[in-house]
């Protein structure tokens, strides 16, 4: 798994774009209002790292956001040939490094989520 670090990062970033957009409610419109709303939402999520909380508005449940589990499921457990299924012992308990990788991908997606509005 460590030999695939670059590939894993790219694949995770791609998957996190869709997950993050739907989880936080980024809009997929080209309108100026939607772009501004996405930009404001991205900034508010980055403020004090709110995106790491289960309830990001109340800042409660740190590292318990459903987004982490969704990312793990999509990335490593989507089918029977995925790494998580084959090498399950490495995912129980979920390593801090994987949580950090997921949250890093989310943190850099703020701009990407804004760009989604202009790509559609």
Protein backbone atom coordinates (compact mmCIF):
# COMPACT_ATOMS: atom_id res chain seq x y z
CA UNK A 1 0.00 0.00 0.00
CA UNK A 2 2.83 2.42 0.73
CA UNK A 3 4.09 2.10 -2.86
CA UNK A 4 0.84 3.59 -4.12
CA UNK A 5 0.94 6.79 -2.06
CA UNK A 6 0.74 9.20 -5.00
CA UNK A 7 -2.02 7.19 -6.67
CA UNK A 8 -3.97 6.92 -3.41
CA UNK A 9 -3.74 10.67 -2.82
CA UNK A 10 -5.02 11.47 -6.31
CA UNK A 11 -7.82 8.91 -6.16
CA UNK A 12 -8.88 10.07 -2.70
CA UNK A 13 -8.90 13.70 -3.78
CA UNK A 14 -11.15 12.84 -6.74
CA UNK A 15 -13.57 10.85 -4.56
CA UNK A 16 -13.57 13.49 -1.84
CA UNK A 17 -14.65 16.18 -4.30
CA UNK A 18 -18.02 14.48 -4.83
CA UNK A 19 -18.41 13.42 -1.20
CA UNK A 20 -17.54 16.86 0.14
CA UNK A 21 -19.85 18.65 -2.28
CA UNK A 22 -22.86 16.56 -1.33
CA UNK A 23 -22.02 16.36 2.40
CA UNK A 24 -21.71 20.10 2.91
CA UNK A 25 -24.19 21.20 0.27
CA UNK A 26 -21.99 22.97 -2.24
CA UNK A 27 -24.06 24.16 -5.18
CA UNK A 28 -23.37 23.14 -8.78
CA UNK A 29 -24.50 26.30 -10.51
CA UNK A 30 -22.54 28.82 -12.54
CA UNK A 31 -24.47 31.73 -11.12
CA UNK A 32 -22.55 34.43 -9.30
CA UNK A 33 -24.73 33.87 -6.23
CA UNK A 34 -23.93 30.14 -6.14
CA UNK A 35 -20.22 30.74 -6.58
CA UNK A 36 -20.26 33.28 -3.76
CA UNK A 37 -22.26 30.91 -1.55
CA UNK A 38 -19.78 28.09 -2.24
CA UNK A 39 -16.84 30.37 -1.51
CA UNK A 40 -18.42 31.55 1.75
CA UNK A 41 -19.24 27.97 2.75
CA UNK A 42 -15.69 26.80 2.01
CA UNK A 43 -14.26 29.65 4.07
CA UNK A 44 -16.59 28.95 7.00
CA UNK A 45 -15.66 25.25 6.93
CA UNK A 46 -11.96 26.08 6.95
CA UNK A 47 -12.40 28.60 9.77
CA UNK A 48 -11.11 26.83 12.87
CA UNK A 49 -11.21 23.58 10.85
CA UNK A 50 -14.97 23.24 11.30
CA UNK A 51 -15.09 20.50 8.66
CA UNK A 52 -13.59 17.97 11.13
CA UNK A 53 -16.67 18.02 13.36
CA UNK A 54 -19.79 15.85 13.17
CA UNK A 55 -21.85 19.00 13.71
CA UNK A 56 -19.68 21.56 11.97
CA UNK A 57 -21.98 24.46 12.82
CA UNK A 58 -21.95 23.74 16.58
CA UNK A 59 -18.38 22.37 16.52
CA UNK A 60 -19.22 19.17 18.36
CA UNK A 61 -18.10 15.60 17.73
CA UNK A 62 -14.53 16.24 16.63
CA UNK A 63 -13.31 13.66 14.07
CA UNK A 64 -16.77 12.02 14.08
CA UNK A 65 -17.98 13.50 10.82
CA UNK A 66 -19.78 10.98 8.62
CA UNK A 67 -17.57 12.23 5.82
CA UNK A 68 -14.61 10.24 7.22
CA UNK A 69 -16.59 6.98 7.18
CA UNK A 70 -17.97 7.71 3.71
CA UNK A 71 -14.44 8.33 2.43
CA UNK A 72 -13.13 5.10 3.97
CA UNK A 73 -16.04 3.13 2.49
CA UNK A 74 -15.64 4.67 -0.98
CA UNK A 75 -11.87 4.48 -1.06
CA UNK A 76 -11.00 1.16 0.58
CA UNK A 77 -14.21 -0.89 0.93
CA UNK A 78 -16.26 -0.25 -2.23
CA UNK A 79 -15.85 -3.78 -3.60
CA UNK A 80 -14.46 -7.14 -2.54
CA UNK A 81 -11.09 -6.52 -4.22
CA UNK A 82 -10.39 -3.23 -2.42
CA UNK A 83 -7.51 -2.93 0.03
CA UNK A 84 -9.74 -2.59 3.07
CA UNK A 85 -11.52 -5.84 2.33
CA UNK A 86 -8.33 -7.73 1.52
CA UNK A 87 -6.19 -6.19 4.27
CA UNK A 88 -8.87 -5.45 6.87
CA UNK A 89 -6.48 -5.81 9.80
CA UNK A 90 -4.83 -2.52 8.78
CA UNK A 91 -8.13 -0.68 9.12
CA UNK A 92 -9.15 -1.85 12.59
CA UNK A 93 -8.90 0.42 14.34
CA UNK A 94 -8.78 3.07 11.65
CA UNK A 95 -5.22 4.47 11.63
CA UNK A 96 -4.77 8.12 12.52
CA UNK A 97 -2.76 8.49 9.32
CA UNK A 98 -5.80 7.60 7.21
CA UNK A 99 -7.97 10.08 9.11
CA UNK A 100 -5.29 12.72 8.56
CA UNK A 101 -5.07 11.88 4.84
CA UNK A 102 -8.84 12.18 4.44
CA UNK A 103 -9.05 15.45 6.35
CA UNK A 104 -6.11 16.85 4.39
CA UNK A 105 -7.92 16.02 1.16
CA UNK A 106 -11.05 17.77 2.47
CA UNK A 107 -9.07 20.83 3.54
CA UNK A 108 -7.64 21.38 0.06
CA UNK A 109 -10.98 20.84 -1.62
CA UNK A 110 -12.45 24.18 -0.61
CA UNK A 111 -11.25 25.77 -3.83
CA UNK A 112 -12.12 22.65 -5.81
CA UNK A 113 -15.67 22.74 -4.49
CA UNK A 114 -15.95 26.34 -5.57
CA UNK A 115 -14.63 25.32 -8.99
CA UNK A 116 -17.32 22.62 -9.25
CA UNK A 117 -19.85 25.42 -9.48
CA UNK A 118 -18.10 26.84 -12.52
CA UNK A 119 -17.45 23.44 -14.17
CA UNK A 120 -21.10 22.36 -14.40
